[in-house]
Amino acid sequence: RLDASGSLGPIDDVTITIAPDVITVDLSAYGLNGTYESVIRAENGTIVLDSGSLDGPLGFVIPNDELADATNAEIAAALSAAGYRVESATMQDGAIALTVVR
């Protein structure tokens, strides 16, 4: 979660690549690197990371389920606070297209 100063807490660096079949997040935290790969889908009015896995040394420190659960909770809270309900989500090269209603 970003704090007021824009800090990602223990996460030092993040690079996100979006393709039609996978979202790839290269990150480092606690001095370790990892790559998280997942798909995004619409569910219950929000988007969720699904079938994700965290590889590399960071995968030994952060369990896949905890990373997905925390990210999904933050996404749902942000969309809800903004008054949006997601009807569909489609991954494209470099983008995620959402159909939303208020």
Protein backbone atom coordinates (compact mmCIF):
# COMPACT_ATOMS: atom_id res chain seq x y z
CA ARG A 1 0.00 0.00 0.00
CA LEU A 2 1.30 3.45 -0.83
CA ASP A 3 1.58 5.72 2.17
CA ALA A 4 1.11 9.50 2.05
CA SER A 5 4.73 10.01 0.92
CA GLY A 6 4.39 7.47 -1.92
CA SER A 7 6.44 4.79 -0.13
CA LEU A 8 5.74 1.13 -0.86
CA GLY A 9 7.06 0.05 2.55
CA PRO A 10 9.63 -2.73 2.22
CA ILE A 11 9.28 -2.83 -1.58
CA ASP A 12 12.27 -1.12 -3.17
CA ASP A 13 11.54 -1.41 -6.87
CA VAL A 14 8.59 -2.50 -9.02
CA THR A 15 8.30 -3.00 -12.78
CA ILE A 16 4.97 -4.16 -14.25
CA THR A 17 4.52 -5.69 -17.69
CA ILE A 18 1.02 -6.42 -18.98
CA ALA A 19 0.39 -8.87 -21.83
CA PRO A 20 -2.90 -10.38 -23.04
CA ASP A 21 -2.27 -13.62 -21.15
CA VAL A 22 -0.29 -12.58 -18.04
CA ILE A 23 0.67 -9.67 -15.82
CA THR A 24 4.30 -9.83 -14.69
CA VAL A 25 5.56 -7.86 -11.69
CA ASP A 26 9.31 -7.75 -11.10
CA LEU A 27 10.02 -6.46 -7.61
CA SER A 28 12.56 -6.33 -4.83
CA ALA A 29 11.95 -6.20 -1.10
CA TYR A 30 14.00 -6.99 1.96
CA GLY A 31 17.06 -7.02 -0.33
CA LEU A 32 15.63 -9.92 -2.36
CA ASN A 33 14.29 -10.06 -5.92
CA GLY A 34 11.24 -11.86 -7.24
CA THR A 35 8.88 -12.11 -10.18
CA TYR A 36 5.13 -12.40 -9.62
CA GLU A 37 2.99 -13.62 -12.52
CA SER A 38 -0.79 -13.71 -12.53
CA VAL A 39 -3.91 -13.09 -14.56
CA ILE A 40 -6.54 -10.50 -13.71
CA ARG A 41 -10.26 -11.13 -13.83
CA ALA A 42 -13.43 -9.40 -12.73
CA GLU A 43 -15.17 -10.89 -9.69
CA ASN A 44 -17.90 -9.53 -7.42
CA GLY A 45 -17.57 -5.97 -8.70
CA THR A 46 -13.79 -5.70 -8.44
CA ILE A 47 -10.72 -7.12 -10.17
CA VAL A 48 -8.65 -9.86 -8.62
CA LEU A 49 -5.27 -11.42 -9.22
CA ASP A 50 -5.82 -15.10 -10.00
CA SER A 51 -3.50 -18.12 -10.29
CA GLY A 52 -0.46 -16.10 -9.27
CA SER A 53 3.00 -17.28 -8.35
CA LEU A 54 6.03 -15.49 -6.91
CA ASP A 55 9.37 -16.88 -8.08
CA GLY A 56 12.92 -16.09 -7.04
CA PRO A 57 14.38 -15.60 -3.57
CA LEU A 58 11.54 -13.28 -2.55
CA GLY A 59 9.14 -16.20 -3.03
CA PHE A 60 10.65 -17.84 0.05
CA VAL A 61 9.82 -14.78 2.19
CA ILE A 62 6.37 -13.77 0.92
CA PRO A 63 3.77 -16.54 0.44
CA ASN A 64 1.82 -16.35 -2.85
CA ASP A 65 -1.57 -16.37 -1.13
CA GLU A 66 -0.67 -13.52 1.22
CA LEU A 67 0.58 -11.36 -1.65
CA ALA A 68 -2.55 -11.98 -3.75
CA ASP A 69 -4.92 -11.53 -0.79
CA ALA A 70 -3.32 -8.24 0.27
CA THR A 71 -3.26 -6.89 -3.30
CA ASN A 72 -6.84 -7.97 -3.98
CA ALA A 73 -8.04 -6.31 -0.75
CA GLU A 74 -6.30 -3.02 -1.67
CA ILE A 75 -7.74 -3.05 -5.20
CA ALA A 76 -11.26 -3.77 -3.92
CA ALA A 77 -11.01 -1.02 -1.28
CA ALA A 78 -9.78 1.56 -3.81
CA LEU A 79 -12.51 0.74 -6.34
CA SER A 80 -15.20 0.75 -3.67
CA ALA A 81 -14.01 4.06 -2.19
CA ALA A 82 -14.14 5.60 -5.68
CA GLY A 83 -17.67 4.24 -6.15
CA TYR A 84 -16.83 1.90 -9.03
CA ARG A 85 -18.06 -1.61 -9.71
CA VAL A 86 -16.11 -3.62 -12.30
CA GLU A 87 -18.22 -5.52 -14.82
CA SER A 88 -15.35 -6.96 -16.89
CA ALA A 89 -11.57 -6.89 -17.17
CA THR A 90 -9.46 -7.62 -20.24
CA MET A 91 -5.68 -7.67 -20.34
CA GLN A 92 -4.05 -6.22 -23.47
CA ASP A 93 -0.47 -5.41 -24.45
CA GLY A 94 0.56 -2.77 -21.90
CA ALA A 95 -2.92 -2.14 -20.51
CA ILE A 96 -5.87 -3.52 -18.61
CA ALA A 97 -9.26 -2.51 -19.99
CA LEU A 98 -12.02 -2.33 -17.38
CA THR A 99 -15.73 -1.93 -17.90
CA VAL A 100 -17.01 -0.14 -14.80
CA VAL A 101 -20.29 1.25 -13.53
CA ARG A 102 -20.93 3.72 -10.73
